[in-house]
Amino acid sequence: MSGKRVLSHAALGESIMLGLLPLLGVLAVNAIPLVGVLWFGWSVFEVLLLYWFENVAIGVTHATRMAISTRTNKVADGRSTTTFFALHYGLFTFVHGIFVIVFFGVVGGGLTQLTGGLIGPALAIIGWQIAFLFIEAVQTDYFKERTPNDLMFEPYPRVLALHITVIAGGWLISEVGAPVWALAILVGVKTLCDLAVAAFFSVRRENAVAALSALRKRQG
């Protein structure tokens, strides 16, 4: 009996840790632009460019997530669904990137303020998205019972909300002269949005894990 309790407590601890990792990762990744703003004097354009790159990394890892789901669940049309997502999301993100470069880089003069210090933060974002993909894949048994169609639109609510929040905020900040405090508030708002989305999907993953465990018990 005590052995079962130890295993139960260990499983509970592991579940809590895996649930907290996405939230901790969100905080760590969002600390990067905050540090850039407060200590390295990043401009509005540099912050928005890094956020745009984050959306690109999300799209690539989500397409990978759909490809894994196709293989795990043996979905016949999974590849075409993944391709459609890549094209649709890619076009959406491409237009967003053009908007950021033209309005904040060219018109706003942000291109002249680039310091070349975004490479490290960009690599950190890539690393986090890969780690997040691995965590979610392990938690849901490589997306078992989650088909590409189920995964198709998951990134869009977050990305659309952040597009509106970040771009509108960036425009307002540019209008008032891009003070440091305004940029810090923008980073804070974006962080809160990310935490809310991460918490929502963390609950969904826990429900998926519970459903898979129940299914295994029935089969056993």
N, C-alpha and C. Protein backbone atom coordinates (compact mmCIF):
# COMPACT_ATOMS: atom_id res chain seq x y z
N MET A 1 0.83 -1.20 0.00
CA MET A 1 0.00 0.00 0.00
C MET A 1 0.87 1.26 0.00
N SER A 2 1.92 1.24 0.85
CA SER A 2 2.81 2.39 0.93
C SER A 2 3.55 2.60 -0.39
N GLY A 3 3.88 1.47 -1.04
CA GLY A 3 4.55 1.56 -2.35
C GLY A 3 3.68 2.25 -3.37
N LYS A 4 2.38 1.91 -3.35
CA LYS A 4 1.44 2.54 -4.27
C LYS A 4 1.32 4.03 -3.99
N ARG A 5 1.33 4.38 -2.69
CA ARG A 5 1.25 5.80 -2.33
C ARG A 5 2.47 6.56 -2.81
N VAL A 6 3.64 5.93 -2.67
CA VAL A 6 4.88 6.57 -3.13
C VAL A 6 4.82 6.80 -4.63
N LEU A 7 4.37 5.77 -5.36
CA LEU A 7 4.24 5.90 -6.80
C LEU A 7 3.23 6.97 -7.17
N SER A 8 2.11 7.00 -6.41
CA SER A 8 1.08 7.99 -6.67
C SER A 8 1.60 9.40 -6.44
N HIS A 9 2.34 9.57 -5.33
CA HIS A 9 2.90 10.88 -5.04
C HIS A 9 3.94 11.28 -6.08
N ALA A 10 4.73 10.31 -6.52
CA ALA A 10 5.74 10.59 -7.54
C ALA A 10 5.09 10.99 -8.86
N ALA A 11 4.02 10.27 -9.23
CA ALA A 11 3.29 10.59 -10.46
C ALA A 11 2.66 11.96 -10.38
N LEU A 12 2.11 12.28 -9.18
CA LEU A 12 1.49 13.59 -8.98
C LEU A 12 2.54 14.70 -9.09
N GLY A 13 3.70 14.46 -8.47
CA GLY A 13 4.78 15.45 -8.54
C GLY A 13 5.26 15.67 -9.96
N GLU A 14 5.38 14.56 -10.72
CA GLU A 14 5.80 14.66 -12.11
C GLU A 14 4.77 15.42 -12.94
N SER A 15 3.48 15.14 -12.68
CA SER A 15 2.41 15.83 -13.41
C SER A 15 2.41 17.32 -13.14
N ILE A 16 2.62 17.67 -11.85
CA ILE A 16 2.65 19.09 -11.48
C ILE A 16 3.84 19.78 -12.14
N MET A 17 4.99 19.10 -12.12
CA MET A 17 6.20 19.68 -12.71
C MET A 17 6.03 19.90 -14.20
N LEU A 18 5.47 18.90 -14.89
CA LEU A 18 5.25 19.04 -16.33
C LEU A 18 4.22 20.12 -16.63
N GLY A 19 3.26 20.30 -15.70
CA GLY A 19 2.28 21.36 -15.88
C GLY A 19 2.87 22.74 -15.66
N LEU A 20 3.86 22.83 -14.76
CA LEU A 20 4.48 24.13 -14.45
C LEU A 20 5.53 24.53 -15.48
N LEU A 21 6.16 23.55 -16.13
CA LEU A 21 7.23 23.85 -17.07
C LEU A 21 6.81 24.84 -18.18
N PRO A 22 5.63 24.64 -18.81
CA PRO A 22 5.23 25.61 -19.83
C PRO A 22 5.11 27.03 -19.29
N LEU A 23 4.57 27.16 -18.07
CA LEU A 23 4.41 28.49 -17.48
C LEU A 23 5.77 29.11 -17.17
N LEU A 24 6.68 28.30 -16.63
CA LEU A 24 8.03 28.80 -16.35
C LEU A 24 8.76 29.17 -17.65
N GLY A 25 8.54 28.37 -18.68
CA GLY A 25 9.15 28.67 -19.97
C GLY A 25 8.63 29.98 -20.55
N VAL A 26 7.32 30.22 -20.41
CA VAL A 26 6.73 31.48 -20.88
C VAL A 26 7.37 32.67 -20.17
N LEU A 27 7.52 32.56 -18.84
CA LEU A 27 8.13 33.64 -18.07
C LEU A 27 9.58 33.88 -18.50
N ALA A 28 10.32 32.78 -18.71
CA ALA A 28 11.74 32.90 -19.09
C ALA A 28 11.88 33.55 -20.46
N VAL A 29 11.07 33.10 -21.43
CA VAL A 29 11.16 33.65 -22.79
C VAL A 29 10.75 35.11 -22.82
N ASN A 30 9.69 35.45 -22.08
CA ASN A 30 9.22 36.84 -22.09
C ASN A 30 10.11 37.77 -21.28
N ALA A 31 10.98 37.18 -20.46
CA ALA A 31 11.95 38.02 -19.74
C ALA A 31 13.01 38.57 -20.69
N ILE A 32 13.21 37.91 -21.83
CA ILE A 32 14.25 38.32 -22.78
C ILE A 32 14.00 39.73 -23.31
N PRO A 33 12.81 40.02 -23.90
CA PRO A 33 12.60 41.40 -24.38
C PRO A 33 12.55 42.42 -23.26
N LEU A 34 12.12 42.01 -22.07
CA LEU A 34 12.09 42.94 -20.94
C LEU A 34 13.52 43.36 -20.57
N VAL A 35 14.43 42.38 -20.54
CA VAL A 35 15.84 42.67 -20.28
C VAL A 35 16.40 43.56 -21.40
N GLY A 36 16.02 43.24 -22.64
CA GLY A 36 16.49 44.04 -23.77
C GLY A 36 16.05 45.49 -23.68
N VAL A 37 14.81 45.69 -23.24
CA VAL A 37 14.27 47.04 -23.13
C VAL A 37 14.91 47.81 -21.97
N LEU A 38 15.00 47.16 -20.81
CA LEU A 38 15.47 47.85 -19.61
C LEU A 38 16.98 48.04 -19.56
N TRP A 39 17.75 47.07 -20.07
CA TRP A 39 19.20 47.12 -19.92
C TRP A 39 19.96 47.41 -21.21
N PHE A 40 19.33 47.11 -22.37
CA PHE A 40 20.04 47.29 -23.63
C PHE A 40 19.38 48.31 -24.55
N GLY A 41 18.33 48.94 -24.07
CA GLY A 41 17.71 50.02 -24.83
C GLY A 41 17.08 49.61 -26.14
N TRP A 42 16.46 48.43 -26.19
CA TRP A 42 15.82 47.99 -27.43
C TRP A 42 14.73 48.96 -27.86
N SER A 43 14.59 49.10 -29.16
CA SER A 43 13.55 49.96 -29.73
C SER A 43 12.25 49.17 -29.89
N VAL A 44 11.17 49.89 -30.23
CA VAL A 44 9.88 49.24 -30.50
C VAL A 44 10.05 48.22 -31.62
N PHE A 45 10.78 48.59 -32.66
CA PHE A 45 10.96 47.70 -33.80
C PHE A 45 11.65 46.41 -33.40
N GLU A 46 12.68 46.49 -32.57
CA GLU A 46 13.40 45.29 -32.15
C GLU A 46 12.50 44.36 -31.34
N VAL A 47 11.67 44.93 -30.47
CA VAL A 47 10.74 44.11 -29.68
C VAL A 47 9.73 43.43 -30.58
N LEU A 48 9.13 44.21 -31.50
CA LEU A 48 8.12 43.64 -32.39
C LEU A 48 8.72 42.63 -33.36
N LEU A 49 9.96 42.86 -33.78
CA LEU A 49 10.63 41.90 -34.67
C LEU A 49 10.87 40.57 -33.96
N LEU A 50 11.25 40.65 -32.68
CA LEU A 50 11.46 39.41 -31.92
C LEU A 50 10.13 38.67 -31.72
N TYR A 51 9.06 39.42 -31.47
CA TYR A 51 7.75 38.79 -31.32
C TYR A 51 7.30 38.16 -32.63
N TRP A 52 7.60 38.81 -33.75
CA TRP A 52 7.26 38.22 -35.04
C TRP A 52 8.02 36.92 -35.24
N PHE A 53 9.30 36.91 -34.90
CA PHE A 53 10.10 35.69 -35.04
C PHE A 53 9.54 34.58 -34.15
N GLU A 54 9.05 34.95 -32.97
CA GLU A 54 8.44 33.96 -32.08
C GLU A 54 7.23 33.31 -32.75
N ASN A 55 6.43 34.09 -33.47
CA ASN A 55 5.29 33.55 -34.19
C ASN A 55 5.74 32.58 -35.29
N VAL A 56 6.85 32.90 -35.94
CA VAL A 56 7.41 31.99 -36.95
C VAL A 56 7.80 30.66 -36.31
N ALA A 57 8.50 30.73 -35.16
CA ALA A 57 8.93 29.52 -34.46
C ALA A 57 7.73 28.70 -34.01
N ILE A 58 6.66 29.36 -33.56
CA ILE A 58 5.44 28.67 -33.15
C ILE A 58 4.84 27.93 -34.34
N GLY A 59 4.80 28.59 -35.50
CA GLY A 59 4.23 27.96 -36.69
C GLY A 59 5.00 26.73 -37.12
N VAL A 60 6.32 26.80 -37.10
CA VAL A 60 7.16 25.67 -37.52
C VAL A 60 6.97 24.49 -36.57
N THR A 61 7.02 24.74 -35.26
CA THR A 61 6.88 23.64 -34.30
C THR A 61 5.45 23.09 -34.31
N HIS A 62 4.48 23.94 -34.60
CA HIS A 62 3.10 23.42 -34.63
C HIS A 62 2.88 22.54 -35.86
N ALA A 63 3.50 22.90 -36.97
CA ALA A 63 3.44 22.03 -38.15
C ALA A 63 4.09 20.68 -37.84
N THR A 64 5.19 20.71 -37.09
CA THR A 64 5.84 19.47 -36.65
C THR A 64 4.91 18.66 -35.75
N ARG A 65 4.20 19.37 -34.87
CA ARG A 65 3.23 18.72 -33.98
C ARG A 65 2.16 17.99 -34.79
N MET A 66 1.68 18.64 -35.84
CA MET A 66 0.66 18.03 -36.69
C MET A 66 1.22 16.83 -37.45
N ALA A 67 2.47 16.92 -37.87
CA ALA A 67 3.11 15.79 -38.58
C ALA A 67 3.26 14.59 -37.65
N ILE A 68 3.63 14.84 -36.39
CA ILE A 68 3.74 13.75 -35.42
C ILE A 68 2.37 13.13 -35.17
N SER A 69 1.35 13.99 -35.07
CA SER A 69 -0.01 13.49 -34.87
C SER A 69 -0.47 12.62 -36.03
N THR A 70 -0.11 13.01 -37.25
CA THR A 70 -0.47 12.23 -38.44
C THR A 70 0.12 10.83 -38.35
N ARG A 71 1.37 10.76 -37.93
CA ARG A 71 2.06 9.46 -37.84
C ARG A 71 1.50 8.63 -36.68
N THR A 72 1.28 9.27 -35.54
CA THR A 72 0.81 8.55 -34.36
C THR A 72 -0.58 7.97 -34.56
N ASN A 73 -1.48 8.76 -35.14
CA ASN A 73 -2.87 8.35 -35.29
C ASN A 73 -3.19 7.75 -36.66
N LYS A 74 -2.14 7.67 -37.51
CA LYS A 74 -2.30 7.09 -38.85
C LYS A 74 -3.46 7.74 -39.61
N VAL A 75 -3.42 9.08 -39.68
CA VAL A 75 -4.46 9.85 -40.36
C VAL A 75 -4.13 9.94 -41.85
N ALA A 76 -5.06 9.50 -42.69
CA ALA A 76 -4.79 9.42 -44.13
C ALA A 76 -4.54 10.79 -44.76
N ASP A 77 -5.34 11.80 -44.37
CA ASP A 77 -5.21 13.12 -44.97
C ASP A 77 -4.41 14.08 -44.08
N GLY A 78 -3.65 13.53 -43.14
CA GLY A 78 -2.91 14.36 -42.21
C GLY A 78 -1.87 15.25 -42.87
N ARG A 79 -1.19 14.71 -43.88
CA ARG A 79 -0.15 15.49 -44.56
C ARG A 79 -0.73 16.69 -45.29
N SER A 80 -1.88 16.49 -45.94
CA SER A 80 -2.51 17.61 -46.66
C SER A 80 -3.00 18.67 -45.68
N THR A 81 -3.51 18.24 -44.52
CA THR A 81 -3.94 19.20 -43.50
C THR A 81 -2.75 19.99 -42.97
N THR A 82 -1.64 19.30 -42.74
CA THR A 82 -0.42 19.97 -42.26
C THR A 82 0.10 20.95 -43.30
N THR A 83 0.08 20.55 -44.56
CA THR A 83 0.53 21.45 -45.63
C THR A 83 -0.35 22.69 -45.72
N PHE A 84 -1.66 22.48 -45.61
CA PHE A 84 -2.59 23.62 -45.65
C PHE A 84 -2.31 24.58 -44.51
N PHE A 85 -2.08 24.03 -43.31
CA PHE A 85 -1.76 24.87 -42.17
C PHE A 85 -0.48 25.67 -42.43
N ALA A 86 0.56 24.99 -42.94
CA ALA A 86 1.84 25.66 -43.18
C ALA A 86 1.69 26.81 -44.16
N LEU A 87 0.90 26.60 -45.22
CA LEU A 87 0.69 27.65 -46.21
C LEU A 87 -0.14 28.79 -45.64
N HIS A 88 -1.22 28.45 -44.95
CA HIS A 88 -2.13 29.46 -44.41
C HIS A 88 -1.45 30.28 -43.32
N TYR A 89 -0.86 29.59 -42.36
CA TYR A 89 -0.18 30.27 -41.26
C TYR A 89 1.04 31.03 -41.78
N GLY A 90 1.74 30.42 -42.73
CA GLY A 90 2.92 31.08 -43.29
C GLY A 90 2.56 32.38 -43.98
N LEU A 91 1.46 32.39 -44.76
CA LEU A 91 1.04 33.61 -45.44
C LEU A 91 0.63 34.68 -44.42
N PHE A 92 -0.10 34.25 -43.41
CA PHE A 92 -0.55 35.16 -42.35
C PHE A 92 0.66 35.81 -41.66
N THR A 93 1.65 35.00 -41.33
CA THR A 93 2.83 35.50 -40.64
C THR A 93 3.70 36.35 -41.56
N PHE A 94 3.75 35.99 -42.84
CA PHE A 94 4.51 36.77 -43.81
C PHE A 94 3.96 38.18 -43.93
N VAL A 95 2.65 38.30 -44.02
CA VAL A 95 2.00 39.62 -44.11
C VAL A 95 2.28 40.43 -42.84
N HIS A 96 2.20 39.75 -41.70
CA HIS A 96 2.50 40.42 -40.43
C HIS A 96 3.94 40.93 -40.41
N GLY A 97 4.87 40.12 -40.91
CA GLY A 97 6.27 40.52 -40.94
C GLY A 97 6.50 41.73 -41.84
N ILE A 98 5.84 41.74 -43.00
CA ILE A 98 5.95 42.88 -43.92
C ILE A 98 5.42 44.14 -43.24
N PHE A 99 4.31 44.01 -42.53
CA PHE A 99 3.71 45.16 -41.83
C PHE A 99 4.69 45.72 -40.80
N VAL A 100 5.28 44.83 -40.00
CA VAL A 100 6.23 45.27 -38.96
C VAL A 100 7.44 45.96 -39.58
N ILE A 101 8.00 45.37 -40.64
CA ILE A 101 9.19 45.94 -41.27
C ILE A 101 8.90 47.29 -41.91
N VAL A 102 7.77 47.38 -42.64
CA VAL A 102 7.45 48.62 -43.36
C VAL A 102 7.11 49.74 -42.39
N PHE A 103 6.16 49.50 -41.46
CA PHE A 103 5.67 50.58 -40.62
C PHE A 103 6.60 50.92 -39.46
N PHE A 104 7.22 49.89 -38.85
CA PHE A 104 8.07 50.15 -37.70
C PHE A 104 9.56 50.16 -38.05
N GLY A 105 9.92 49.45 -39.14
CA GLY A 105 11.32 49.41 -39.54
C GLY A 105 11.70 50.53 -40.48
N VAL A 106 10.91 50.71 -41.57
CA VAL A 106 11.22 51.71 -42.59
C VAL A 106 10.65 53.07 -42.21
N VAL A 107 9.31 53.13 -42.08
CA VAL A 107 8.65 54.41 -41.78
C VAL A 107 9.06 54.92 -40.39
N GLY A 108 9.08 54.01 -39.40
CA GLY A 108 9.43 54.42 -38.05
C GLY A 108 10.92 54.52 -37.79
N GLY A 109 11.75 54.13 -38.75
CA GLY A 109 13.19 54.24 -38.60
C GLY A 109 13.82 53.16 -37.74
N GLY A 110 13.10 52.08 -37.47
CA GLY A 110 13.63 51.03 -36.61
C GLY A 110 14.81 50.28 -37.20
N LEU A 111 14.86 50.19 -38.54
CA LEU A 111 15.95 49.46 -39.18
C LEU A 111 17.30 50.10 -38.89
N THR A 112 17.31 51.41 -38.69
CA THR A 112 18.56 52.11 -38.42
C THR A 112 19.00 51.93 -36.97
N GLN A 113 18.10 51.39 -36.13
CA GLN A 113 18.40 51.23 -34.71
C GLN A 113 18.76 49.80 -34.33
N LEU A 114 18.77 48.91 -35.31
CA LEU A 114 19.10 47.51 -35.02
C LEU A 114 20.54 47.40 -34.55
N THR A 115 20.72 46.65 -33.47
CA THR A 115 22.06 46.51 -32.90
C THR A 115 22.69 45.15 -33.18
N GLY A 116 21.92 44.23 -33.75
CA GLY A 116 22.43 42.89 -34.01
C GLY A 116 22.40 41.99 -32.80
N GLY A 117 21.72 42.44 -31.74
CA GLY A 117 21.67 41.65 -30.52
C GLY A 117 20.48 40.73 -30.41
N LEU A 118 19.80 40.47 -31.53
CA LEU A 118 18.61 39.63 -31.50
C LEU A 118 18.89 38.17 -31.81
N ILE A 119 20.11 37.85 -32.22
CA ILE A 119 20.42 36.47 -32.61
C ILE A 119 20.30 35.53 -31.41
N GLY A 120 20.92 35.90 -30.29
CA GLY A 120 20.85 35.07 -29.08
C GLY A 120 19.43 34.86 -28.60
N PRO A 121 18.63 35.96 -28.45
CA PRO A 121 17.23 35.80 -28.06
C PRO A 121 16.43 34.93 -29.03
N ALA A 122 16.69 35.08 -30.33
CA ALA A 122 15.99 34.26 -31.32
C ALA A 122 16.30 32.78 -31.14
N LEU A 123 17.56 32.47 -30.89
CA LEU A 123 17.95 31.07 -30.65
C LEU A 123 17.31 30.54 -29.37
N ALA A 124 17.19 31.38 -28.35
CA ALA A 124 16.54 30.97 -27.10
C ALA A 124 15.07 30.65 -27.34
N ILE A 125 14.42 31.45 -28.17
CA ILE A 125 13.01 31.21 -28.50
C ILE A 125 12.85 29.90 -29.25
N ILE A 126 13.75 29.63 -30.20
CA ILE A 126 13.71 28.37 -30.93
C ILE A 126 13.87 27.19 -29.96
N GLY A 127 14.85 27.32 -29.06
CA GLY A 127 15.09 26.25 -28.08
C GLY A 127 13.89 25.99 -27.21
N TRP A 128 13.22 27.07 -26.77
CA TRP A 128 12.05 26.90 -25.92
C TRP A 128 10.90 26.23 -26.68
N GLN A 129 10.65 26.65 -27.91
CA GLN A 129 9.56 26.07 -28.68
C GLN A 129 9.80 24.57 -28.94
N ILE A 130 11.05 24.19 -29.16
CA ILE A 130 11.38 22.77 -29.34
C ILE A 130 11.15 22.01 -28.04
N ALA A 131 11.59 22.59 -26.92
CA ALA A 131 11.40 21.95 -25.61
C ALA A 131 9.91 21.83 -25.30
N PHE A 132 9.14 22.87 -25.60
CA PHE A 132 7.69 22.85 -25.35
C PHE A 132 7.01 21.78 -26.19
N LEU A 133 7.44 21.64 -27.44
CA LEU A 133 6.91 20.60 -28.32
C LEU A 133 7.18 19.22 -27.72
N PHE A 134 8.40 19.01 -27.23
CA PHE A 134 8.76 17.72 -26.65
C PHE A 134 7.94 17.43 -25.39
N ILE A 135 7.77 18.42 -24.52
CA ILE A 135 6.99 18.25 -23.29
C ILE A 135 5.56 17.85 -23.62
N GLU A 136 4.95 18.57 -24.55
CA GLU A 136 3.55 18.29 -24.90
C GLU A 136 3.41 16.93 -25.56
N ALA A 137 4.37 16.57 -26.42
CA ALA A 137 4.32 15.27 -27.09
C ALA A 137 4.40 14.13 -26.08
N VAL A 138 5.28 14.26 -25.10
CA VAL A 138 5.44 13.22 -24.08
C VAL A 138 4.18 13.13 -23.22
N GLN A 139 3.62 14.27 -22.84
CA GLN A 139 2.44 14.28 -21.98
C GLN A 139 1.23 13.62 -22.63
N THR A 140 1.09 13.78 -23.93
CA THR A 140 -0.09 13.27 -24.63
C THR A 140 0.21 12.03 -25.47
N ASP A 141 1.31 11.34 -25.12
CA ASP A 141 1.70 10.12 -25.84
C ASP A 141 1.80 10.41 -27.34
N TYR A 142 2.55 11.46 -27.66
CA TYR A 142 2.79 11.89 -29.03
C TYR A 142 1.49 12.16 -29.78
N PHE A 143 0.61 12.91 -29.06
CA PHE A 143 -0.63 13.43 -29.63
C PHE A 143 -1.61 12.33 -30.03
N LYS A 144 -1.60 11.25 -29.27
CA LYS A 144 -2.56 10.19 -29.51
C LYS A 144 -3.97 10.72 -29.26
N GLU A 145 -4.89 10.37 -30.15
CA GLU A 145 -6.29 10.82 -30.11
C GLU A 145 -6.42 12.32 -30.39
N ARG A 146 -5.34 12.98 -30.84
CA ARG A 146 -5.42 14.39 -31.24
C ARG A 146 -4.97 14.46 -32.70
N THR A 147 -5.92 14.52 -33.61
CA THR A 147 -5.63 14.48 -35.03
C THR A 147 -5.16 15.86 -35.52
N PRO A 148 -4.57 15.91 -36.72
CA PRO A 148 -4.17 17.20 -37.28
C PRO A 148 -5.34 18.19 -37.39
N ASN A 149 -6.54 17.67 -37.67
CA ASN A 149 -7.71 18.56 -37.72
C ASN A 149 -8.00 19.17 -36.35
N ASP A 150 -7.78 18.40 -35.28
CA ASP A 150 -7.98 18.92 -33.93
C ASP A 150 -6.96 20.00 -33.60
N LEU A 151 -5.74 19.83 -34.11
CA LEU A 151 -4.64 20.74 -33.80
C LEU A 151 -4.61 21.97 -34.70
N MET A 152 -5.31 21.90 -35.82
CA MET A 152 -5.19 22.87 -36.90
C MET A 152 -5.26 24.33 -36.44
N PHE A 153 -6.27 24.67 -35.66
CA PHE A 153 -6.51 26.08 -35.35
C PHE A 153 -6.04 26.49 -33.95
N GLU A 154 -5.32 25.61 -33.27
CA GLU A 154 -4.89 25.93 -31.90
C GLU A 154 -4.04 27.19 -31.79
N PRO A 155 -3.10 27.46 -32.70
CA PRO A 155 -2.25 28.65 -32.51
C PRO A 155 -2.97 29.97 -32.80
N TYR A 156 -4.07 29.93 -33.56
CA TYR A 156 -4.63 31.18 -34.08
C TYR A 156 -5.21 32.12 -33.02
N PRO A 157 -5.95 31.63 -32.01
CA PRO A 157 -6.47 32.59 -31.01
C PRO A 157 -5.35 33.39 -30.34
N ARG A 158 -4.27 32.70 -29.97
CA ARG A 158 -3.14 33.38 -29.33
C ARG A 158 -2.48 34.36 -30.29
N VAL A 159 -2.22 33.90 -31.51
CA VAL A 159 -1.50 34.73 -32.47
C VAL A 159 -2.34 35.95 -32.87
N LEU A 160 -3.63 35.78 -33.10
CA LEU A 160 -4.49 36.90 -33.47
C LEU A 160 -4.55 37.93 -32.34
N ALA A 161 -4.73 37.44 -31.11
CA ALA A 161 -4.80 38.36 -29.97
C ALA A 161 -3.49 39.13 -29.81
N LEU A 162 -2.38 38.43 -29.98
CA LEU A 162 -1.08 39.08 -29.82
C LEU A 162 -0.77 40.03 -30.98
N HIS A 163 -1.22 39.66 -32.19
CA HIS A 163 -1.04 40.58 -33.32
C HIS A 163 -1.69 41.92 -33.00
N ILE A 164 -2.94 41.85 -32.56
CA ILE A 164 -3.68 43.09 -32.28
C ILE A 164 -3.06 43.85 -31.12
N THR A 165 -2.78 43.12 -30.03
CA THR A 165 -2.24 43.76 -28.82
C THR A 165 -0.87 44.36 -29.06
N VAL A 166 0.02 43.57 -29.64
CA VAL A 166 1.40 44.01 -29.81
C VAL A 166 1.52 45.12 -30.85
N ILE A 167 0.86 44.96 -32.00
CA ILE A 167 0.98 45.97 -33.05
C ILE A 167 0.30 47.27 -32.63
N ALA A 168 -0.92 47.17 -32.05
CA ALA A 168 -1.60 48.39 -31.57
C ALA A 168 -0.78 49.06 -30.48
N GLY A 169 -0.25 48.24 -29.56
CA GLY A 169 0.60 48.79 -28.50
C GLY A 169 1.85 49.43 -29.05
N GLY A 170 2.47 48.76 -30.03
CA GLY A 170 3.68 49.32 -30.65
C GLY A 170 3.41 50.64 -31.34
N TRP A 171 2.26 50.76 -32.00
CA TRP A 171 1.91 52.02 -32.67
C TRP A 171 1.70 53.14 -31.66
N LEU A 172 0.98 52.82 -30.57
CA LEU A 172 0.75 53.84 -29.53
C LEU A 172 2.06 54.28 -28.90
N ILE A 173 2.94 53.32 -28.64
CA ILE A 173 4.24 53.64 -28.04
C ILE A 173 5.07 54.53 -28.98
N SER A 174 5.02 54.22 -30.28
CA SER A 174 5.75 55.04 -31.25
C SER A 174 5.23 56.47 -31.25
N GLU A 175 3.92 56.61 -31.08
CA GLU A 175 3.30 57.94 -31.09
C GLU A 175 3.73 58.79 -29.89
N VAL A 176 4.01 58.16 -28.77
CA VAL A 176 4.38 58.93 -27.57
C VAL A 176 5.90 58.97 -27.38
N GLY A 177 6.64 58.49 -28.37
CA GLY A 177 8.09 58.62 -28.30
C GLY A 177 8.82 57.41 -27.76
N ALA A 178 8.14 56.28 -27.63
CA ALA A 178 8.75 55.01 -27.19
C ALA A 178 9.50 55.12 -25.86
N PRO A 179 8.83 55.59 -24.80
CA PRO A 179 9.52 55.59 -23.49
C PRO A 179 9.71 54.18 -22.98
N VAL A 180 10.72 53.99 -22.13
CA VAL A 180 11.04 52.65 -21.63
C VAL A 180 9.87 52.05 -20.87
N TRP A 181 9.18 52.85 -20.06
CA TRP A 181 8.08 52.32 -19.25
C TRP A 181 6.95 51.79 -20.12
N ALA A 182 6.70 52.45 -21.26
CA ALA A 182 5.64 52.00 -22.16
C ALA A 182 6.00 50.67 -22.81
N LEU A 183 7.27 50.54 -23.21
CA LEU A 183 7.72 49.27 -23.78
C LEU A 183 7.65 48.15 -22.74
N ALA A 184 8.00 48.47 -21.50
CA ALA A 184 7.93 47.46 -20.43
C ALA A 184 6.48 47.02 -20.21
N ILE A 185 5.54 47.96 -20.27
CA ILE A 185 4.12 47.61 -20.12
C ILE A 185 3.68 46.70 -21.27
N LEU A 186 4.13 47.02 -22.48
CA LEU A 186 3.79 46.19 -23.64
C LEU A 186 4.28 44.76 -23.44
N VAL A 187 5.51 44.61 -22.98
CA VAL A 187 6.06 43.28 -22.71
C VAL A 187 5.26 42.58 -21.62
N GLY A 188 4.85 43.34 -20.59
CA GLY A 188 4.05 42.76 -19.50
C GLY A 188 2.70 42.26 -19.97
N VAL A 189 2.03 43.05 -20.81
CA VAL A 189 0.72 42.65 -21.35
C VAL A 189 0.86 41.39 -22.19
N LYS A 190 1.89 41.36 -23.03
CA LYS A 190 2.12 40.18 -23.87
C LYS A 190 2.40 38.95 -23.01
N THR A 191 3.16 39.13 -21.92
CA THR A 191 3.47 38.02 -21.01
C THR A 191 2.21 37.47 -20.37
N LEU A 192 1.32 38.36 -19.93
CA LEU A 192 0.06 37.93 -19.31
C LEU A 192 -0.79 37.14 -20.30
N CYS A 193 -0.83 37.60 -21.56
CA CYS A 193 -1.58 36.86 -22.60
C CYS A 193 -1.00 35.46 -22.79
N ASP A 194 0.33 35.38 -22.84
CA ASP A 194 0.99 34.08 -23.03
C ASP A 194 0.72 33.15 -21.85
N LEU A 195 0.76 33.69 -20.63
CA LEU A 195 0.51 32.87 -19.44
C LEU A 195 -0.91 32.32 -19.44
N ALA A 196 -1.88 33.16 -19.83
CA ALA A 196 -3.27 32.73 -19.87
C ALA A 196 -3.46 31.59 -20.87
N VAL A 197 -2.85 31.74 -22.06
CA VAL A 197 -2.95 30.70 -23.09
C VAL A 197 -2.25 29.43 -22.64
N ALA A 198 -1.05 29.57 -22.05
CA ALA A 198 -0.30 28.40 -21.57
C ALA A 198 -1.06 27.65 -20.49
N ALA A 199 -1.71 28.40 -19.57
CA ALA A 199 -2.49 27.76 -18.50
C ALA A 199 -3.68 27.01 -19.08
N PHE A 200 -4.33 27.60 -20.09
CA PHE A 200 -5.49 26.97 -20.72
C PHE A 200 -5.10 25.65 -21.38
N PHE A 201 -4.02 25.67 -22.16
CA PHE A 201 -3.60 24.45 -22.85
C PHE A 201 -2.98 23.45 -21.90
N SER A 202 -2.44 23.91 -20.76
CA SER A 202 -1.93 22.99 -19.76
C SER A 202 -3.06 22.16 -19.17
N VAL A 203 -4.20 22.81 -18.92
CA VAL A 203 -5.38 22.09 -18.43
C VAL A 203 -5.86 21.09 -19.46
N ARG A 204 -5.85 21.50 -20.73
CA ARG A 204 -6.27 20.59 -21.81
C ARG A 204 -5.35 19.38 -21.90
N ARG A 205 -4.05 19.61 -21.74
CA ARG A 205 -3.10 18.49 -21.79
C ARG A 205 -3.33 17.53 -20.63
N GLU A 206 -3.59 18.08 -19.43
CA GLU A 206 -3.84 17.23 -18.27
C GLU A 206 -5.09 16.39 -18.49
N ASN A 207 -6.11 16.98 -19.10
CA ASN A 207 -7.34 16.22 -19.41
C ASN A 207 -7.05 15.12 -20.43
N ALA A 208 -6.19 15.44 -21.41
CA ALA A 208 -5.84 14.44 -22.42
C ALA A 208 -5.07 13.29 -21.79
N VAL A 209 -4.14 13.62 -20.88
CA VAL A 209 -3.38 12.58 -20.19
C VAL A 209 -4.29 11.70 -19.36
N ALA A 210 -5.25 12.31 -18.66
CA ALA A 210 -6.19 11.54 -17.85
C ALA A 210 -7.04 10.62 -18.71
N ALA A 211 -7.46 11.11 -19.87
CA ALA A 211 -8.27 10.29 -20.78
C ALA A 211 -7.47 9.11 -21.30
N LEU A 212 -6.21 9.33 -21.65
CA LEU A 212 -5.36 8.24 -22.13
C LEU A 212 -5.12 7.20 -21.04
N SER A 213 -4.92 7.65 -19.81
CA SER A 213 -4.71 6.72 -18.69
C SER A 213 -5.94 5.85 -18.46
N ALA A 214 -7.12 6.48 -18.53
CA ALA A 214 -8.37 5.74 -18.34
C ALA A 214 -8.55 4.71 -19.45
N LEU A 215 -8.20 5.09 -20.68
CA LEU A 215 -8.32 4.17 -21.81
C LEU A 215 -7.39 2.98 -21.64
N ARG A 216 -6.19 3.20 -21.19
CA ARG A 216 -5.23 2.11 -20.98
C ARG A 216 -5.72 1.15 -19.91
N LYS A 217 -6.31 1.69 -18.83
CA LYS A 217 -6.82 0.86 -17.77
C LYS A 217 -7.95 -0.05 -18.26
N ARG A 218 -8.80 0.51 -19.11
CA ARG A 218 -9.90 -0.31 -19.66
C ARG A 218 -9.37 -1.42 -20.56
N GLN A 219 -8.35 -1.05 -21.36
CA GLN A 219 -7.78 -2.06 -22.27
C GLN A 219 -7.05 -3.14 -21.49
N GLY A 220 -6.46 -2.72 -20.32
CA GLY A 220 -5.75 -3.71 -19.52
C GLY A 220 -6.72 -4.61 -18.78
